[in-house]
Amino acid sequence: MGIDFPLAIGSFLVAIVVGLTGMGGGALMTPMMMLLFNVPPLAAVSSDLVASAVMKPVGGIVHMRRGTVNLRLVGWLCAGSVPAAFCGVLVARAFGDGEQIQQTIKYALGGALLLAVAGLAAKAWLSRGEEEASADLGEIVVRPFPTLLVGTIGGLVVGISSVGSGSLIIVALLALYPALKANQLVGTDLVQAIPLVVSAALGHLLFGDFQLDVTTSLLAGSIPGVYLGARISSRAPGGVIRALLAVVLLASALKLLGVGNTATLWILAGAVAAGAAGWSLLWHRGRAKVGVAGEVAEGPQAPGSGVETGVPSRGAR
């Protein structure tokens, strides 16, 4: 049983992204195996989930030691995601064998990635011009029912396609808990993903198409990669990483949905151009607001100055 070194290098790079952002495990690893290494879709999903069951705890332990994990949030997410992930494997098997299930999983992956990209774009737009939240973990008020629902839906998608433990769930957490800092979000997501991927991996070991040689190559690269990414996640430029990840997720989704190479390149170019134009517009608006605020503060009748026009000073009375 030899190690596929190109696959190990690819998994190392993907695992760095996972450690940095909490996203990209199934969203990048599974499409990479299918598109670049010709691994059958069901085998790619099964092997990726089994590898993630070993990889995720490495990054989670790093964040646990740093105190960037909300354990109450983890508990509510897992209450929904763990049973749903195991059921997702059974749902995937119910679709049928052979070409039918392979094509179904491709479409499920593509749709899940498009949802993740849409969520990232919506979050970026809703939080435009705002500073990154800096609330302490103790100040976060957990919302049980929405969190449980997010875990259930995310777990079901993970069981079917291996996508969701990071890409979908972390986007939902961004919307539900905007006060979470980036490193808290990554740490919480990595820890909640541990029992989730273990449950889904167990289902794929029993009913999926697990391949030991593929999983071994994934682990050879992903374990050091996720450790490195988790170590530097608190210092990483989150906005830049999210933008790059969104582009990769969009490209993977388009290819899995059968979009041609030329059309994919045009769509990506348009998305990057639109994103750059939007960022430039928001930046200029922010500068304009700062300029207006500065002019008001420097004016002769600035609020709170304590001086009224037409009223002589004490020395002149």
Protein backbone atom coordinates (compact mmCIF):
# COMPACT_ATOMS: atom_id res chain seq x y z
CA MET A 1 0.00 0.00 0.00
CA GLY A 2 1.95 3.02 -1.27
CA ILE A 3 1.31 6.72 -0.79
CA ASP A 4 0.21 8.81 -3.76
CA PHE A 5 2.53 11.80 -3.25
CA PRO A 6 0.71 14.23 -5.60
CA LEU A 7 -2.52 13.45 -3.73
CA ALA A 8 -0.73 13.89 -0.38
CA ILE A 9 0.61 17.29 -1.49
CA GLY A 10 -2.87 18.34 -2.62
CA SER A 11 -4.40 17.27 0.68
CA PHE A 12 -1.67 19.16 2.56
CA LEU A 13 -2.59 22.42 0.78
CA VAL A 14 -6.32 21.88 1.30
CA ALA A 15 -5.78 21.03 4.98
CA ILE A 16 -3.96 24.34 5.51
CA VAL A 17 -7.09 26.12 4.29
CA VAL A 18 -9.19 23.98 6.65
CA GLY A 19 -7.01 24.92 9.60
CA LEU A 20 -7.05 28.61 8.67
CA THR A 21 -10.75 29.04 7.96
CA GLY A 22 -12.61 25.93 9.15
CA MET A 23 -13.87 25.55 5.58
CA GLY A 24 -12.74 23.58 2.57
CA GLY A 25 -12.49 19.98 3.81
CA GLY A 26 -15.19 18.26 1.80
CA ALA A 27 -15.74 21.32 -0.37
CA LEU A 28 -12.20 21.22 -1.77
CA MET A 29 -10.78 17.79 -0.94
CA THR A 30 -13.54 15.72 -2.53
CA PRO A 31 -13.71 17.69 -5.81
CA MET A 32 -9.90 17.68 -5.97
CA MET A 33 -9.84 13.87 -5.80
CA MET A 34 -12.58 13.56 -8.40
CA LEU A 35 -11.37 16.20 -10.87
CA LEU A 36 -7.57 15.86 -10.61
CA PHE A 37 -7.00 12.26 -9.52
CA ASN A 38 -9.97 10.48 -11.13
CA VAL A 39 -11.22 8.97 -7.86
CA PRO A 40 -14.85 7.79 -8.22
CA PRO A 41 -17.28 10.18 -6.45
CA LEU A 42 -18.57 7.76 -3.81
CA ALA A 43 -15.03 6.55 -3.05
CA ALA A 44 -13.86 10.18 -2.80
CA VAL A 45 -16.66 11.04 -0.36
CA SER A 46 -16.05 7.94 1.78
CA SER A 47 -12.26 8.30 1.91
CA ASP A 48 -12.45 12.05 2.59
CA LEU A 49 -14.82 11.58 5.52
CA VAL A 50 -12.67 8.86 7.09
CA ALA A 51 -9.58 11.07 6.70
CA SER A 52 -11.47 14.05 8.15
CA ALA A 53 -12.36 11.99 11.23
CA VAL A 54 -8.61 11.88 11.94
CA MET A 55 -7.71 15.34 10.61
CA LYS A 56 -10.36 17.48 12.35
CA PRO A 57 -9.32 16.61 15.94
CA VAL A 58 -5.77 17.84 15.20
CA GLY A 59 -7.01 21.35 14.41
CA GLY A 60 -9.67 21.18 17.12
CA ILE A 61 -7.14 20.40 19.84
CA VAL A 62 -5.05 23.43 18.85
CA HIS A 63 -8.08 25.72 19.22
CA MET A 64 -9.21 24.05 22.46
CA ARG A 65 -5.82 24.85 23.97
CA ARG A 66 -6.18 28.48 22.85
CA GLY A 67 -9.66 28.83 24.35
CA THR A 68 -11.35 29.71 21.06
CA VAL A 69 -14.15 27.11 21.22
CA ASN A 70 -17.74 27.69 22.40
CA LEU A 71 -18.65 24.28 23.85
CA ARG A 72 -22.37 25.09 24.31
CA LEU A 73 -22.61 25.96 20.65
CA VAL A 74 -20.75 22.75 19.79
CA GLY A 75 -23.23 20.72 21.84
CA TRP A 76 -26.35 22.06 20.11
CA LEU A 77 -24.82 21.65 16.66
CA CYS A 78 -23.80 18.05 17.35
CA ALA A 79 -27.24 17.17 18.73
CA GLY A 80 -28.62 17.72 15.24
CA SER A 81 -25.69 16.90 13.00
CA VAL A 82 -24.50 13.55 14.37
CA PRO A 83 -27.69 11.50 13.79
CA ALA A 84 -28.44 13.40 10.57
CA ALA A 85 -24.98 12.63 9.15
CA PHE A 86 -25.44 8.89 9.64
CA CYS A 87 -28.90 9.07 8.05
CA GLY A 88 -27.41 10.99 5.12
CA VAL A 89 -25.27 7.98 4.23
CA LEU A 90 -28.40 5.82 4.06
CA VAL A 91 -30.11 8.43 1.90
CA ALA A 92 -27.14 8.40 -0.47
CA ARG A 93 -27.30 4.61 -0.76
CA ALA A 94 -31.05 4.78 -1.41
CA PHE A 95 -30.37 6.73 -4.60
CA GLY A 96 -29.02 3.58 -6.22
CA ASP A 97 -25.67 2.13 -7.31
CA GLY A 98 -23.33 2.70 -10.21
CA GLU A 99 -23.61 5.66 -12.54
CA GLN A 100 -26.84 6.93 -11.00
CA ILE A 101 -25.46 7.48 -7.51
CA GLN A 102 -22.18 8.85 -8.87
CA GLN A 103 -24.03 11.50 -10.88
CA THR A 104 -26.38 12.28 -7.98
CA ILE A 105 -23.46 12.87 -5.64
CA LYS A 106 -21.81 15.16 -8.19
CA TYR A 107 -24.93 17.29 -8.42
CA ALA A 108 -25.36 17.28 -4.63
CA LEU A 109 -21.78 18.48 -4.23
CA GLY A 110 -22.22 21.21 -6.83
CA GLY A 111 -25.43 22.48 -5.28
CA ALA A 112 -23.93 22.46 -1.79
CA LEU A 113 -20.91 24.45 -2.95
CA LEU A 114 -23.10 27.04 -4.69
CA LEU A 115 -25.04 27.48 -1.42
CA ALA A 116 -21.76 28.01 0.42
CA VAL A 117 -20.59 30.63 -2.09
CA ALA A 118 -23.94 32.43 -1.88
CA GLY A 119 -23.73 32.43 1.91
CA LEU A 120 -20.22 33.85 1.89
CA ALA A 121 -21.23 36.60 -0.53
CA ALA A 122 -24.33 37.46 1.52
CA LYS A 123 -22.30 37.66 4.72
CA ALA A 124 -19.70 39.91 3.10
CA TRP A 125 -22.45 42.24 1.83
CA LEU A 126 -24.39 42.37 5.12
CA SER A 127 -21.24 43.14 7.13
CA ARG A 128 -19.89 45.75 4.68
CA GLY A 129 -18.10 48.62 6.34
CA GLU A 130 -18.20 47.02 9.80
CA GLU A 131 -15.27 46.13 11.98
CA GLU A 132 -14.77 42.49 12.86
CA ALA A 133 -16.68 41.53 15.98
CA SER A 134 -14.67 41.09 19.14
CA ALA A 135 -17.07 39.62 21.68
CA ASP A 136 -15.77 37.17 24.28
CA LEU A 137 -17.03 33.60 24.11
CA GLY A 138 -18.83 34.09 27.42
CA GLU A 139 -20.89 36.94 25.95
CA ILE A 140 -22.31 34.85 23.08
CA VAL A 141 -25.97 33.93 23.67
CA VAL A 142 -26.64 30.51 22.11
CA ARG A 143 -29.90 30.17 20.16
CA PRO A 144 -30.80 26.47 20.63
CA PHE A 145 -33.48 25.79 17.99
CA PRO A 146 -31.84 27.59 15.01
CA THR A 147 -28.49 26.05 15.96
CA LEU A 148 -30.02 22.57 16.18
CA LEU A 149 -31.65 23.08 12.77
CA VAL A 150 -28.34 24.18 11.23
CA GLY A 151 -26.65 21.09 12.64
CA THR A 152 -29.38 18.79 11.31
CA ILE A 153 -29.34 20.19 7.76
CA GLY A 154 -25.55 20.37 7.68
CA GLY A 155 -25.20 16.82 8.98
CA LEU A 156 -27.59 15.47 6.36
CA VAL A 157 -25.63 17.15 3.56
CA VAL A 158 -22.35 15.88 5.02
CA GLY A 159 -23.61 12.31 5.07
CA ILE A 160 -24.62 12.53 1.42
CA SER A 161 -21.75 14.51 -0.06
CA SER A 162 -19.09 15.09 2.68
CA VAL A 163 -19.65 18.84 2.21
CA GLY A 164 -21.14 20.90 5.03
CA SER A 165 -19.13 20.39 8.21
CA GLY A 166 -17.19 23.53 7.30
CA SER A 167 -18.48 25.19 4.16
CA LEU A 168 -22.19 25.20 4.97
CA ILE A 169 -22.29 25.13 8.76
CA ILE A 170 -19.70 27.87 9.20
CA VAL A 171 -21.62 30.14 6.81
CA ALA A 172 -24.80 29.57 8.85
CA LEU A 173 -22.89 30.34 12.05
CA LEU A 174 -21.70 33.60 10.52
CA ALA A 175 -25.33 34.61 10.02
CA LEU A 176 -26.59 33.36 13.41
CA TYR A 177 -23.69 34.61 15.54
CA PRO A 178 -22.09 37.67 13.90
CA ALA A 179 -20.36 38.57 17.18
CA LEU A 180 -18.06 35.54 16.94
CA LYS A 181 -14.50 36.47 16.07
CA ALA A 182 -12.83 34.67 13.18
CA ASN A 183 -10.66 32.42 15.36
CA GLN A 184 -13.64 31.59 17.62
CA LEU A 185 -15.69 30.68 14.57
CA VAL A 186 -12.96 28.46 13.16
CA GLY A 187 -12.29 26.77 16.50
CA THR A 188 -15.95 26.10 17.26
CA ASP A 189 -16.58 24.75 13.78
CA LEU A 190 -13.56 22.44 13.84
CA VAL A 191 -14.58 20.93 17.20
CA GLN A 192 -18.26 20.45 16.28
CA ALA A 193 -17.15 18.77 13.06
CA ILE A 194 -15.32 15.99 14.93
CA PRO A 195 -18.35 13.90 16.04
CA LEU A 196 -20.15 14.89 12.85
CA VAL A 197 -17.54 13.48 10.49
CA VAL A 198 -16.97 10.46 12.75
CA SER A 199 -20.68 9.62 12.45
CA ALA A 200 -20.67 10.09 8.68
CA ALA A 201 -17.38 8.19 8.34
CA LEU A 202 -18.80 5.24 10.29
CA GLY A 203 -21.75 5.15 7.92
CA HIS A 204 -19.47 5.18 4.88
CA LEU A 205 -17.24 2.47 6.36
CA LEU A 206 -20.32 0.26 6.67
CA PHE A 207 -22.24 1.24 3.54
CA GLY A 208 -19.96 3.39 1.38
CA ASP A 209 -16.97 2.79 -0.88
CA PHE A 210 -14.02 3.38 1.47
CA GLN A 211 -10.54 2.92 -0.08
CA LEU A 212 -7.65 2.53 2.34
CA ASP A 213 -4.89 3.57 -0.07
CA VAL A 214 -6.65 6.86 -0.95
CA THR A 215 -7.34 7.62 2.73
CA THR A 216 -3.71 6.93 3.69
CA SER A 217 -2.47 9.41 1.08
CA LEU A 218 -4.96 12.01 2.33
CA LEU A 219 -3.84 11.60 5.95
CA ALA A 220 -0.16 11.84 5.01
CA GLY A 221 -0.73 15.39 3.79
CA SER A 222 -3.74 16.59 5.74
CA ILE A 223 -2.51 16.01 9.31
CA PRO A 224 0.53 18.32 9.10
CA GLY A 225 -1.45 20.73 6.90
CA VAL A 226 -4.36 21.23 9.30
CA TYR A 227 -1.97 21.59 12.25
CA LEU A 228 -0.04 24.31 10.46
CA GLY A 229 -3.22 26.11 9.40
CA ALA A 230 -4.70 26.01 12.90
CA ARG A 231 -1.48 27.37 14.40
CA ILE A 232 -1.50 30.48 12.23
CA SER A 233 -5.29 30.97 11.96
CA SER A 234 -5.39 33.74 14.57
CA ARG A 235 -2.94 35.83 12.50
CA ALA A 236 -4.32 35.03 9.03
CA PRO A 237 -6.05 37.76 6.95
CA GLY A 238 -9.52 36.27 7.12
CA GLY A 239 -11.07 38.49 4.46
CA VAL A 240 -8.50 37.56 1.83
CA ILE A 241 -8.74 33.84 2.62
CA ARG A 242 -12.54 33.90 2.43
CA ALA A 243 -12.39 35.64 -0.95
CA LEU A 244 -9.94 33.08 -2.35
CA LEU A 245 -11.96 30.22 -0.90
CA ALA A 246 -15.15 31.56 -2.49
CA VAL A 247 -13.47 31.55 -5.91
CA VAL A 248 -12.25 27.96 -5.48
CA LEU A 249 -15.65 26.81 -4.20
CA LEU A 250 -17.38 28.42 -7.18
CA ALA A 251 -14.98 26.80 -9.65
CA SER A 252 -15.46 23.38 -8.06
CA ALA A 253 -19.25 23.76 -8.06
CA LEU A 254 -19.37 24.72 -11.73
CA LYS A 255 -17.21 21.76 -12.77
CA LEU A 256 -19.25 19.30 -10.71
CA LEU A 257 -22.44 20.61 -12.30
CA GLY A 258 -21.02 19.94 -15.77
CA VAL A 259 -20.20 23.50 -16.85
CA GLY A 260 -17.58 23.63 -19.61
CA ASN A 261 -14.07 24.97 -19.10
CA THR A 262 -14.59 28.13 -21.19
CA ALA A 263 -17.87 28.99 -19.47
CA THR A 264 -16.30 28.33 -16.06
CA LEU A 265 -13.44 30.72 -16.78
CA TRP A 266 -15.84 33.46 -17.93
CA ILE A 267 -18.05 33.01 -14.87
CA LEU A 268 -15.06 33.11 -12.53
CA ALA A 269 -13.68 36.21 -14.26
CA GLY A 270 -17.06 37.91 -13.94
CA ALA A 271 -17.38 36.95 -10.27
CA VAL A 272 -13.88 38.23 -9.45
CA ALA A 273 -14.51 41.48 -11.37
CA ALA A 274 -17.85 42.00 -9.61
CA GLY A 275 -16.29 41.30 -6.22
CA ALA A 276 -13.43 43.70 -6.85
CA ALA A 277 -15.81 46.43 -8.05
CA GLY A 278 -18.04 45.96 -5.01
CA TRP A 279 -15.11 46.08 -2.62
CA SER A 280 -13.77 49.24 -4.29
CA LEU A 281 -17.19 50.93 -4.08
CA LEU A 282 -17.58 50.09 -0.40
CA TRP A 283 -14.04 51.27 0.35
CA HIS A 284 -14.63 54.64 -1.31
CA ARG A 285 -17.93 55.04 0.52
CA GLY A 286 -16.20 54.31 3.79
CA ARG A 287 -13.54 56.93 3.06
CA ALA A 288 -16.24 59.47 2.15
CA LYS A 289 -18.04 58.88 5.46
CA VAL A 290 -14.82 59.35 7.38
CA GLY A 291 -14.17 62.60 5.52
CA VAL A 292 -17.65 63.99 6.27
CA ALA A 293 -17.32 63.06 9.93
CA GLY A 294 -13.96 64.82 10.12
CA GLU A 295 -15.36 68.05 8.59
CA VAL A 296 -18.23 68.15 11.10
CA ALA A 297 -15.90 67.58 14.01
CA GLU A 298 -13.56 70.38 12.93
CA GLY A 299 -16.30 72.97 12.28
CA PRO A 300 -16.79 76.08 14.47
CA GLN A 301 -20.05 74.71 15.88
CA ALA A 302 -18.98 71.13 16.51
CA PRO A 303 -21.41 69.36 18.86
CA GLY A 304 -20.25 69.19 22.43
CA SER A 305 -17.77 72.07 22.07
CA GLY A 306 -19.54 74.04 24.77
CA VAL A 307 -19.21 77.32 22.80
CA GLU A 308 -22.20 79.14 21.36
CA THR A 309 -21.93 81.71 18.58
CA GLY A 310 -22.77 85.24 19.61
CA VAL A 311 -22.03 84.65 23.31
CA PRO A 312 -18.97 86.49 24.57
CA SER A 313 -16.34 84.76 26.58
CA ARG A 314 -16.03 85.29 30.33
CA GLY A 315 -13.02 87.50 29.88
CA ALA A 316 -15.01 89.88 27.65
CA ARG A 317 -18.00 90.23 30.03
